[in-house]
Amino acid sequence: MAAGDEVLVRVHAASVHPDVSHAVRGVPYVLRIMGSGLLKPKNKIPGLDMAGRAEAVGAKVTRFRPGDEVFGETISAHRWHNAGAYAEYVAVPEEVLARKPASLTFEQAAAVPTSASIALRSLRDQGRIRPGQKVLINGAGGGVGTFAVQLAKAFGAEVTGVDSTKKLDMLRSIGADKVIDYTQQDFTQSGERYDLMLDIAANHSFSDCRRALTPAGTYVIVGDAAGSGRWIGVLGRALKALVLSQFVGQGMGAFVSVEKKEAMGVLRELIEAGKVTPVIDRTYPLSEVPQAIRYVEQGHVQGKVIITV
């Protein structure tokens, strides 16, 4: 049943975001305090992102009807639910959903909500990206990174993607103007300067990254670094960088929220315009969620991993 402002969605596909690993394992504690539950995971069924069909709608729902194809998250800014996306059905607030773009499969649509919203927030709201800027994305081949490359191009930037050797061809295929193989070259030592840097990989110090920024450049640390279990270190680096940025010309951004409904609307428009296409590494059936999570934890995913229901 769907109550009040909720939509009951029959799930066709869901995606594996790095946060899922922390939710099911209960670490690190800072994330559990922020929403997963202090002593044990509060959300008994994991999974944030999904796509499917509306089966029923609550009395207060105005934007959707049964049968509509939708995509979105299972949490809202106002409350944390006890049901996740790795299930046949899930009831979610109307505000976290959008109509699925007709051009996307359910699997592709499920890849979008969390990772693409983080990329949008990081570039537009924190990085204040502008046309003509030189943008570097460190960790460009993962879930957030592949969306960030395409969004930066859509905003008119010149994009350099940094990742491992096997991901470089994929990065070129989604629009990266230049690629850097981190196993062969250290971008902080190359002499190149960038107007905006999105640091998803979090494998360099802030002082090293500053060398790769223009005097007025902006550094944004991105939460997808959680995929490598470095959240405590990332939080420390973010706070340090924020303090240092007050004494230098370069700016720093981190952890600015974005309104879900607005973000989903923007992303839907860009997808329908052909400017953003989800990159899917592989899919797993619902019965193999543990295997999917373990694969994501290895850190070698190109784009997103999808659960099919």
Foldseek 3Di string as FASTA:
>chain_A
DAADQKFKFQFFKAFDALVQVCLQVVDDQVVCVVALPRPHGQQPAAGFWTWGFTCCGHPNHDPDHGGFTKIFTQDAPVDDDNYHRLDRIHMHGPQGMDGDQPVDDRQQRNLDQPLLQLLCCQVCVFQVQAAAFEEEEELLFEANNVNNLLVNVVRHYQYEYEEADVRVVVSVVLPHNHYDHVVVDDLLPPQAEGQEYEYACPPDAPVSVVSRHDQQHEYEYTPSNCLQVCVVVSVVRLVVVCVVCVVGNYHYDYDDDDRNNVSVVVVSVCVNVVSDTFDEQEEAESVCVVVQSVVSSVVPGGHIYMYGD
